[in-house]
Amino acid sequence: MSEEIQLRCPETAEEWRQYYYLRWSVLRKPWGEPEGSERDERDDETEHCAVIAGDRVLGVGRLQMNDHEEAQIRYMAVDPDCHKRGLGRRIVEFLEEKARELGAARVILDARQNAVGFYLVLGYNVTADSYLLFGEIQHYRMQKDLY
C-alpha cells in the first residue's frame, strides 16, 4: 500500500457511499441482512472515522456519546483484504482521541467474540456478556478508561 493513508470523516458522496457499503459488506451481508441494515437513527449525530487511501475507503468506525462521560465505539469494519496492517488500531486510536475531545472518561464497545483479543491488546477489558446478534454472533461488553 504505497498511497498515503488518511483517517478522517468521509467528505464526498462517494466516500460516504463506500463507508456505508463497507459497514454493510463486512458486518451485515454475510448474515443475509439487506443493505440499509448497517445504518441507524444516530448516524447523523455521531463521529465517523474512515481510513482512506487514494479513492478507497479501507476501514470504518463510529463513535457515539451515550452520556457526558461515556462514549461508545460501534460499526468497526476493515476491508478483509487489508487485515493485519494496523488499520483497526488506527481507527480505535482516532475514535478514542475524539472521545477525549468530547470529554468522555471511558469508552465502551460490544465486541464480536472473534474481535475480543484485538481489543484486549488495545487496553479494553471484558466487563460482561452482551447480546447475541443474528442468533449466532456472541458479543461481549468491553470498556477502557481514558484517564
N, C-alpha and C. Protein backbone atom coordinates (compact mmCIF):
# COMPACT_ATOMS: atom_id res chain seq x y z
N MET A 1 0.85 -1.17 0.00
CA MET A 1 0.00 0.00 0.00
C MET A 1 0.90 1.24 0.00
N SER A 2 1.12 1.79 -1.17
CA SER A 2 2.05 2.91 -1.28
C SER A 2 1.36 4.26 -1.13
N GLU A 3 0.05 4.30 -1.28
CA GLU A 3 -0.66 5.58 -1.16
C GLU A 3 -0.72 6.03 0.30
N GLU A 4 -0.76 7.35 0.46
CA GLU A 4 -0.89 7.90 1.80
C GLU A 4 -2.25 7.55 2.38
N ILE A 5 -2.25 7.15 3.64
CA ILE A 5 -3.49 6.80 4.33
C ILE A 5 -3.94 7.99 5.16
N GLN A 6 -5.22 8.31 5.05
CA GLN A 6 -5.82 9.37 5.85
C GLN A 6 -6.87 8.76 6.77
N LEU A 7 -6.96 9.28 7.98
CA LEU A 7 -8.06 8.93 8.89
C LEU A 7 -8.85 10.20 9.11
N ARG A 8 -10.12 10.16 8.70
CA ARG A 8 -10.98 11.32 8.82
C ARG A 8 -12.42 10.93 8.55
N CYS A 9 -13.30 11.85 8.82
CA CYS A 9 -14.70 11.66 8.48
C CYS A 9 -14.83 11.69 6.96
N PRO A 10 -15.67 10.81 6.39
CA PRO A 10 -15.91 10.89 4.95
C PRO A 10 -16.41 12.29 4.58
N GLU A 11 -16.03 12.75 3.39
CA GLU A 11 -16.40 14.11 2.97
C GLU A 11 -17.27 14.13 1.73
N THR A 12 -16.95 13.31 0.75
CA THR A 12 -17.70 13.35 -0.50
C THR A 12 -18.81 12.30 -0.51
N ALA A 13 -19.73 12.45 -1.44
CA ALA A 13 -20.81 11.47 -1.58
C ALA A 13 -20.24 10.08 -1.84
N GLU A 14 -19.18 9.99 -2.63
CA GLU A 14 -18.58 8.69 -2.94
C GLU A 14 -17.92 8.09 -1.71
N GLU A 15 -17.24 8.91 -0.89
CA GLU A 15 -16.65 8.38 0.34
C GLU A 15 -17.74 7.87 1.28
N TRP A 16 -18.83 8.61 1.41
CA TRP A 16 -19.94 8.13 2.25
C TRP A 16 -20.53 6.84 1.70
N ARG A 17 -20.68 6.73 0.39
CA ARG A 17 -21.22 5.50 -0.21
C ARG A 17 -20.33 4.32 0.14
N GLN A 18 -19.00 4.50 -0.02
CA GLN A 18 -18.07 3.42 0.29
C GLN A 18 -18.05 3.11 1.79
N TYR A 19 -18.15 4.15 2.60
CA TYR A 19 -18.18 3.98 4.07
C TYR A 19 -19.31 3.04 4.46
N TYR A 20 -20.53 3.35 4.03
CA TYR A 20 -21.68 2.53 4.40
C TYR A 20 -21.65 1.16 3.72
N TYR A 21 -21.14 1.11 2.49
CA TYR A 21 -21.04 -0.18 1.80
C TYR A 21 -20.09 -1.11 2.55
N LEU A 22 -18.95 -0.59 3.03
CA LEU A 22 -18.02 -1.43 3.78
C LEU A 22 -18.65 -1.91 5.07
N ARG A 23 -19.34 -1.02 5.78
CA ARG A 23 -20.04 -1.42 7.01
C ARG A 23 -21.01 -2.56 6.72
N TRP A 24 -21.78 -2.42 5.65
CA TRP A 24 -22.76 -3.46 5.31
C TRP A 24 -22.07 -4.75 4.88
N SER A 25 -21.08 -4.64 3.97
CA SER A 25 -20.49 -5.86 3.39
C SER A 25 -19.74 -6.70 4.42
N VAL A 26 -19.16 -6.06 5.45
CA VAL A 26 -18.41 -6.79 6.47
C VAL A 26 -19.31 -7.21 7.64
N LEU A 27 -20.20 -6.31 8.06
CA LEU A 27 -20.94 -6.54 9.30
C LEU A 27 -22.36 -7.09 9.11
N ARG A 28 -22.93 -7.01 7.93
CA ARG A 28 -24.31 -7.44 7.74
C ARG A 28 -24.51 -8.45 6.60
N LYS A 29 -23.90 -8.21 5.47
CA LYS A 29 -24.11 -9.06 4.29
C LYS A 29 -23.84 -10.55 4.55
N PRO A 30 -22.76 -10.91 5.29
CA PRO A 30 -22.51 -12.35 5.48
C PRO A 30 -23.64 -13.09 6.19
N TRP A 31 -24.54 -12.37 6.84
CA TRP A 31 -25.67 -12.99 7.54
C TRP A 31 -26.99 -12.73 6.81
N GLY A 32 -26.89 -12.34 5.54
CA GLY A 32 -28.07 -12.17 4.72
C GLY A 32 -28.90 -10.94 5.04
N GLU A 33 -28.31 -9.98 5.72
CA GLU A 33 -29.04 -8.77 6.06
C GLU A 33 -29.02 -7.79 4.88
N PRO A 34 -30.10 -7.07 4.66
CA PRO A 34 -30.19 -6.18 3.50
C PRO A 34 -29.36 -4.91 3.66
N GLU A 35 -28.99 -4.33 2.52
CA GLU A 35 -28.34 -3.01 2.57
C GLU A 35 -29.30 -2.05 3.24
N GLY A 36 -28.75 -1.19 4.06
CA GLY A 36 -29.56 -0.28 4.87
C GLY A 36 -29.56 -0.71 6.32
N SER A 37 -29.35 -2.01 6.57
CA SER A 37 -29.34 -2.53 7.95
C SER A 37 -28.07 -2.10 8.69
N GLU A 38 -27.10 -1.54 7.97
CA GLU A 38 -25.85 -1.08 8.58
C GLU A 38 -25.97 0.34 9.12
N ARG A 39 -27.13 0.93 8.97
CA ARG A 39 -27.36 2.31 9.43
C ARG A 39 -28.32 2.32 10.61
N ASP A 40 -28.24 3.38 11.40
CA ASP A 40 -29.21 3.53 12.48
C ASP A 40 -29.56 4.99 12.68
N GLU A 41 -30.48 5.24 13.58
CA GLU A 41 -31.02 6.59 13.78
C GLU A 41 -30.01 7.58 14.35
N ARG A 42 -28.88 7.10 14.85
CA ARG A 42 -27.88 8.00 15.44
C ARG A 42 -26.74 8.36 14.49
N ASP A 43 -26.75 7.87 13.27
CA ASP A 43 -25.65 8.14 12.34
C ASP A 43 -25.42 9.64 12.11
N ASP A 44 -26.48 10.43 12.15
CA ASP A 44 -26.34 11.87 11.88
C ASP A 44 -25.78 12.65 13.06
N GLU A 45 -25.70 12.05 14.24
CA GLU A 45 -25.27 12.79 15.43
C GLU A 45 -23.99 12.21 16.04
N THR A 46 -23.25 11.45 15.28
CA THR A 46 -22.08 10.76 15.80
C THR A 46 -20.82 11.16 15.04
N GLU A 47 -19.68 10.73 15.56
CA GLU A 47 -18.38 10.96 14.93
C GLU A 47 -18.04 9.73 14.08
N HIS A 48 -17.68 9.96 12.84
CA HIS A 48 -17.34 8.87 11.93
C HIS A 48 -15.86 8.93 11.58
N CYS A 49 -15.27 7.75 11.41
CA CYS A 49 -13.88 7.66 11.00
C CYS A 49 -13.78 6.70 9.83
N ALA A 50 -13.11 7.17 8.78
CA ALA A 50 -12.83 6.31 7.63
C ALA A 50 -11.33 6.30 7.39
N VAL A 51 -10.80 5.14 7.06
CA VAL A 51 -9.42 5.01 6.61
C VAL A 51 -9.50 5.10 5.09
N ILE A 52 -8.85 6.12 4.55
CA ILE A 52 -8.95 6.37 3.11
C ILE A 52 -7.56 6.37 2.50
N ALA A 53 -7.41 5.58 1.45
CA ALA A 53 -6.16 5.53 0.69
C ALA A 53 -6.51 5.80 -0.77
N GLY A 54 -6.03 6.92 -1.27
CA GLY A 54 -6.40 7.30 -2.63
C GLY A 54 -7.89 7.55 -2.70
N ASP A 55 -8.58 6.76 -3.50
CA ASP A 55 -10.03 6.92 -3.62
C ASP A 55 -10.78 5.75 -3.00
N ARG A 56 -10.13 4.99 -2.11
CA ARG A 56 -10.76 3.82 -1.50
C ARG A 56 -10.90 3.97 0.00
N VAL A 57 -12.08 3.60 0.52
CA VAL A 57 -12.31 3.50 1.95
C VAL A 57 -11.95 2.08 2.36
N LEU A 58 -10.95 1.96 3.26
CA LEU A 58 -10.43 0.65 3.65
C LEU A 58 -10.90 0.20 5.04
N GLY A 59 -11.37 1.14 5.84
CA GLY A 59 -11.81 0.81 7.18
C GLY A 59 -12.75 1.89 7.69
N VAL A 60 -13.61 1.50 8.64
CA VAL A 60 -14.59 2.44 9.18
C VAL A 60 -14.83 2.17 10.66
N GLY A 61 -15.31 3.19 11.34
CA GLY A 61 -15.72 3.08 12.72
C GLY A 61 -16.53 4.31 13.10
N ARG A 62 -17.32 4.17 14.16
CA ARG A 62 -18.17 5.28 14.58
C ARG A 62 -18.11 5.44 16.09
N LEU A 63 -18.20 6.67 16.55
CA LEU A 63 -18.19 6.97 17.99
C LEU A 63 -19.47 7.73 18.32
N GLN A 64 -20.17 7.25 19.33
CA GLN A 64 -21.35 7.96 19.81
C GLN A 64 -21.19 8.22 21.30
N MET A 65 -21.71 9.35 21.73
CA MET A 65 -21.71 9.67 23.16
C MET A 65 -23.01 9.13 23.76
N ASN A 66 -22.87 8.27 24.77
CA ASN A 66 -24.05 7.73 25.45
C ASN A 66 -24.51 8.67 26.56
N ASP A 67 -23.56 9.36 27.17
CA ASP A 67 -23.84 10.42 28.14
C ASP A 67 -22.58 11.28 28.22
N HIS A 68 -22.49 12.17 29.18
CA HIS A 68 -21.36 13.11 29.23
C HIS A 68 -20.02 12.42 29.47
N GLU A 69 -20.03 11.25 30.10
CA GLU A 69 -18.78 10.58 30.44
C GLU A 69 -18.49 9.33 29.62
N GLU A 70 -19.49 8.82 28.92
CA GLU A 70 -19.32 7.53 28.24
C GLU A 70 -19.50 7.65 26.73
N ALA A 71 -18.46 7.24 26.01
CA ALA A 71 -18.50 7.15 24.56
C ALA A 71 -18.56 5.67 24.18
N GLN A 72 -19.12 5.39 23.00
CA GLN A 72 -19.22 4.01 22.54
C GLN A 72 -18.75 3.91 21.10
N ILE A 73 -17.84 2.96 20.86
CA ILE A 73 -17.39 2.66 19.50
C ILE A 73 -18.35 1.61 18.94
N ARG A 74 -18.79 1.87 17.71
CA ARG A 74 -19.69 0.95 17.02
C ARG A 74 -19.28 0.83 15.55
N TYR A 75 -19.78 -0.19 14.92
CA TYR A 75 -19.64 -0.38 13.46
C TYR A 75 -18.19 -0.37 12.99
N MET A 76 -17.32 -1.05 13.71
CA MET A 76 -15.93 -1.18 13.28
C MET A 76 -15.84 -2.23 12.18
N ALA A 77 -15.19 -1.86 11.07
CA ALA A 77 -15.01 -2.81 9.97
C ALA A 77 -13.78 -2.41 9.16
N VAL A 78 -13.00 -3.40 8.78
CA VAL A 78 -11.85 -3.19 7.91
C VAL A 78 -12.01 -4.14 6.73
N ASP A 79 -11.72 -3.63 5.54
CA ASP A 79 -11.77 -4.44 4.33
C ASP A 79 -10.95 -5.71 4.57
N PRO A 80 -11.54 -6.89 4.33
CA PRO A 80 -10.81 -8.14 4.59
C PRO A 80 -9.46 -8.23 3.89
N ASP A 81 -9.30 -7.56 2.75
CA ASP A 81 -8.01 -7.57 2.04
C ASP A 81 -6.96 -6.72 2.74
N CYS A 82 -7.37 -5.97 3.77
CA CYS A 82 -6.45 -5.04 4.44
C CYS A 82 -6.23 -5.40 5.91
N HIS A 83 -6.63 -6.61 6.32
CA HIS A 83 -6.40 -7.01 7.71
C HIS A 83 -4.91 -7.13 7.99
N LYS A 84 -4.56 -7.03 9.26
CA LYS A 84 -3.18 -7.19 9.74
C LYS A 84 -2.25 -6.08 9.26
N ARG A 85 -2.81 -4.89 9.01
CA ARG A 85 -2.00 -3.75 8.60
C ARG A 85 -2.07 -2.61 9.61
N GLY A 86 -2.72 -2.86 10.76
CA GLY A 86 -2.81 -1.83 11.79
C GLY A 86 -3.92 -0.82 11.58
N LEU A 87 -4.78 -1.05 10.59
CA LEU A 87 -5.83 -0.07 10.31
C LEU A 87 -6.87 -0.02 11.42
N GLY A 88 -7.25 -1.17 11.95
CA GLY A 88 -8.22 -1.21 13.04
C GLY A 88 -7.70 -0.48 14.26
N ARG A 89 -6.46 -0.69 14.59
CA ARG A 89 -5.83 0.01 15.72
C ARG A 89 -5.89 1.52 15.49
N ARG A 90 -5.58 1.95 14.29
CA ARG A 90 -5.59 3.39 14.00
C ARG A 90 -7.00 3.97 14.12
N ILE A 91 -8.00 3.23 13.70
CA ILE A 91 -9.38 3.71 13.83
C ILE A 91 -9.74 3.86 15.31
N VAL A 92 -9.42 2.84 16.11
CA VAL A 92 -9.73 2.90 17.54
C VAL A 92 -9.02 4.09 18.19
N GLU A 93 -7.75 4.26 17.89
CA GLU A 93 -6.99 5.37 18.47
C GLU A 93 -7.60 6.72 18.05
N PHE A 94 -8.00 6.86 16.81
CA PHE A 94 -8.64 8.07 16.31
C PHE A 94 -9.93 8.35 17.08
N LEU A 95 -10.76 7.30 17.25
CA LEU A 95 -12.04 7.47 17.94
C LEU A 95 -11.84 7.73 19.43
N GLU A 96 -10.83 7.11 20.04
CA GLU A 96 -10.54 7.40 21.44
C GLU A 96 -10.14 8.87 21.63
N GLU A 97 -9.36 9.40 20.69
CA GLU A 97 -8.98 10.81 20.78
C GLU A 97 -10.21 11.71 20.65
N LYS A 98 -11.12 11.36 19.75
CA LYS A 98 -12.38 12.11 19.63
C LYS A 98 -13.15 12.05 20.94
N ALA A 99 -13.18 10.88 21.56
CA ALA A 99 -13.89 10.72 22.83
C ALA A 99 -13.29 11.64 23.89
N ARG A 100 -11.96 11.70 23.95
CA ARG A 100 -11.29 12.60 24.91
C ARG A 100 -11.68 14.06 24.63
N GLU A 101 -11.65 14.45 23.35
CA GLU A 101 -12.01 15.83 22.98
C GLU A 101 -13.44 16.16 23.41
N LEU A 102 -14.32 15.16 23.39
CA LEU A 102 -15.72 15.36 23.78
C LEU A 102 -15.93 15.23 25.28
N GLY A 103 -14.85 14.96 26.03
CA GLY A 103 -14.93 14.91 27.48
C GLY A 103 -15.28 13.57 28.09
N ALA A 104 -15.22 12.51 27.30
CA ALA A 104 -15.55 11.18 27.82
C ALA A 104 -14.47 10.69 28.77
N ALA A 105 -14.87 10.01 29.82
CA ALA A 105 -13.94 9.40 30.76
C ALA A 105 -13.66 7.95 30.41
N ARG A 106 -14.55 7.34 29.64
CA ARG A 106 -14.39 5.94 29.26
C ARG A 106 -15.03 5.69 27.90
N VAL A 107 -14.56 4.62 27.27
CA VAL A 107 -15.12 4.15 26.02
C VAL A 107 -15.59 2.72 26.23
N ILE A 108 -16.79 2.43 25.77
CA ILE A 108 -17.29 1.06 25.79
C ILE A 108 -17.51 0.62 24.35
N LEU A 109 -17.65 -0.69 24.19
CA LEU A 109 -18.00 -1.27 22.90
C LEU A 109 -18.52 -2.67 23.13
N ASP A 110 -19.22 -3.18 22.16
CA ASP A 110 -19.69 -4.56 22.18
C ASP A 110 -18.94 -5.30 21.08
N ALA A 111 -17.96 -6.11 21.49
CA ALA A 111 -17.08 -6.79 20.54
C ALA A 111 -17.61 -8.17 20.19
N ARG A 112 -17.53 -8.48 18.92
CA ARG A 112 -17.82 -9.85 18.50
C ARG A 112 -16.76 -10.76 19.11
N GLN A 113 -17.13 -12.00 19.35
CA GLN A 113 -16.23 -12.94 20.02
C GLN A 113 -14.86 -12.99 19.33
N ASN A 114 -14.84 -12.98 18.00
CA ASN A 114 -13.56 -13.09 17.29
C ASN A 114 -12.72 -11.81 17.35
N ALA A 115 -13.27 -10.71 17.89
CA ALA A 115 -12.53 -9.45 17.99
C ALA A 115 -12.08 -9.12 19.41
N VAL A 116 -12.47 -9.93 20.39
CA VAL A 116 -12.14 -9.63 21.79
C VAL A 116 -10.64 -9.51 21.98
N GLY A 117 -9.86 -10.40 21.42
CA GLY A 117 -8.41 -10.37 21.56
C GLY A 117 -7.81 -9.07 21.03
N PHE A 118 -8.33 -8.59 19.90
CA PHE A 118 -7.88 -7.33 19.31
C PHE A 118 -8.05 -6.19 20.31
N TYR A 119 -9.22 -6.11 20.93
CA TYR A 119 -9.49 -5.02 21.87
C TYR A 119 -8.73 -5.18 23.19
N LEU A 120 -8.49 -6.41 23.61
CA LEU A 120 -7.68 -6.62 24.81
C LEU A 120 -6.29 -6.02 24.63
N VAL A 121 -5.70 -6.22 23.46
CA VAL A 121 -4.37 -5.68 23.17
C VAL A 121 -4.38 -4.15 23.23
N LEU A 122 -5.52 -3.53 22.91
CA LEU A 122 -5.63 -2.07 22.90
C LEU A 122 -6.03 -1.51 24.26
N GLY A 123 -6.07 -2.37 25.29
CA GLY A 123 -6.32 -1.89 26.65
C GLY A 123 -7.75 -1.97 27.13
N TYR A 124 -8.61 -2.63 26.39
CA TYR A 124 -10.00 -2.81 26.81
C TYR A 124 -10.11 -4.05 27.68
N ASN A 125 -11.10 -4.05 28.55
CA ASN A 125 -11.37 -5.20 29.41
C ASN A 125 -12.81 -5.65 29.20
N VAL A 126 -13.02 -6.96 29.24
CA VAL A 126 -14.37 -7.51 29.15
C VAL A 126 -15.06 -7.24 30.48
N THR A 127 -16.25 -6.64 30.43
CA THR A 127 -17.00 -6.34 31.65
C THR A 127 -18.24 -7.20 31.77
N ALA A 128 -18.74 -7.75 30.66
CA ALA A 128 -19.96 -8.57 30.72
C ALA A 128 -20.20 -9.23 29.37
N ASP A 129 -21.01 -10.29 29.39
CA ASP A 129 -21.54 -10.81 28.14
C ASP A 129 -22.53 -9.77 27.63
N SER A 130 -22.60 -9.61 26.33
CA SER A 130 -23.54 -8.66 25.76
C SER A 130 -24.60 -9.45 25.00
N TYR A 131 -24.94 -9.04 23.82
CA TYR A 131 -26.04 -9.66 23.09
C TYR A 131 -25.56 -10.70 22.09
N LEU A 132 -26.52 -11.47 21.57
CA LEU A 132 -26.27 -12.46 20.54
C LEU A 132 -26.88 -11.92 19.25
N LEU A 133 -26.04 -11.54 18.28
CA LEU A 133 -26.50 -10.94 17.04
C LEU A 133 -26.85 -12.02 16.03
N PHE A 134 -27.98 -11.85 15.35
CA PHE A 134 -28.45 -12.77 14.32
C PHE A 134 -28.54 -14.20 14.85
N GLY A 135 -28.71 -14.34 16.17
CA GLY A 135 -28.86 -15.65 16.77
C GLY A 135 -27.59 -16.48 16.81
N GLU A 136 -26.44 -15.90 16.44
CA GLU A 136 -25.22 -16.71 16.40
C GLU A 136 -23.92 -15.99 16.72
N ILE A 137 -23.89 -14.65 16.73
CA ILE A 137 -22.64 -13.95 16.95
C ILE A 137 -22.63 -13.36 18.36
N GLN A 138 -21.93 -14.04 19.27
CA GLN A 138 -21.87 -13.56 20.65
C GLN A 138 -21.02 -12.30 20.72
N HIS A 139 -21.53 -11.32 21.45
CA HIS A 139 -20.82 -10.07 21.69
C HIS A 139 -20.49 -9.96 23.18
N TYR A 140 -19.43 -9.23 23.46
CA TYR A 140 -19.00 -9.00 24.84
C TYR A 140 -18.84 -7.50 25.06
N ARG A 141 -19.39 -7.01 26.16
CA ARG A 141 -19.22 -5.60 26.53
C ARG A 141 -17.79 -5.42 27.02
N MET A 142 -17.12 -4.44 26.46
CA MET A 142 -15.74 -4.14 26.84
C MET A 142 -15.65 -2.65 27.18
N GLN A 143 -14.68 -2.31 28.02
CA GLN A 143 -14.53 -0.93 28.46
C GLN A 143 -13.06 -0.57 28.60
N LYS A 144 -12.77 0.69 28.33
CA LYS A 144 -11.44 1.25 28.56
C LYS A 144 -11.62 2.61 29.20
N ASP A 145 -10.94 2.81 30.33
CA ASP A 145 -10.95 4.13 30.98
C ASP A 145 -9.92 4.99 30.28
N LEU A 146 -10.29 6.22 29.95
CA LEU A 146 -9.40 7.12 29.22
C LEU A 146 -8.46 7.89 30.13
N TYR A 147 -8.81 8.00 31.42
CA TYR A 147 -7.96 8.77 32.35
C TYR A 147 -7.59 7.95 33.54
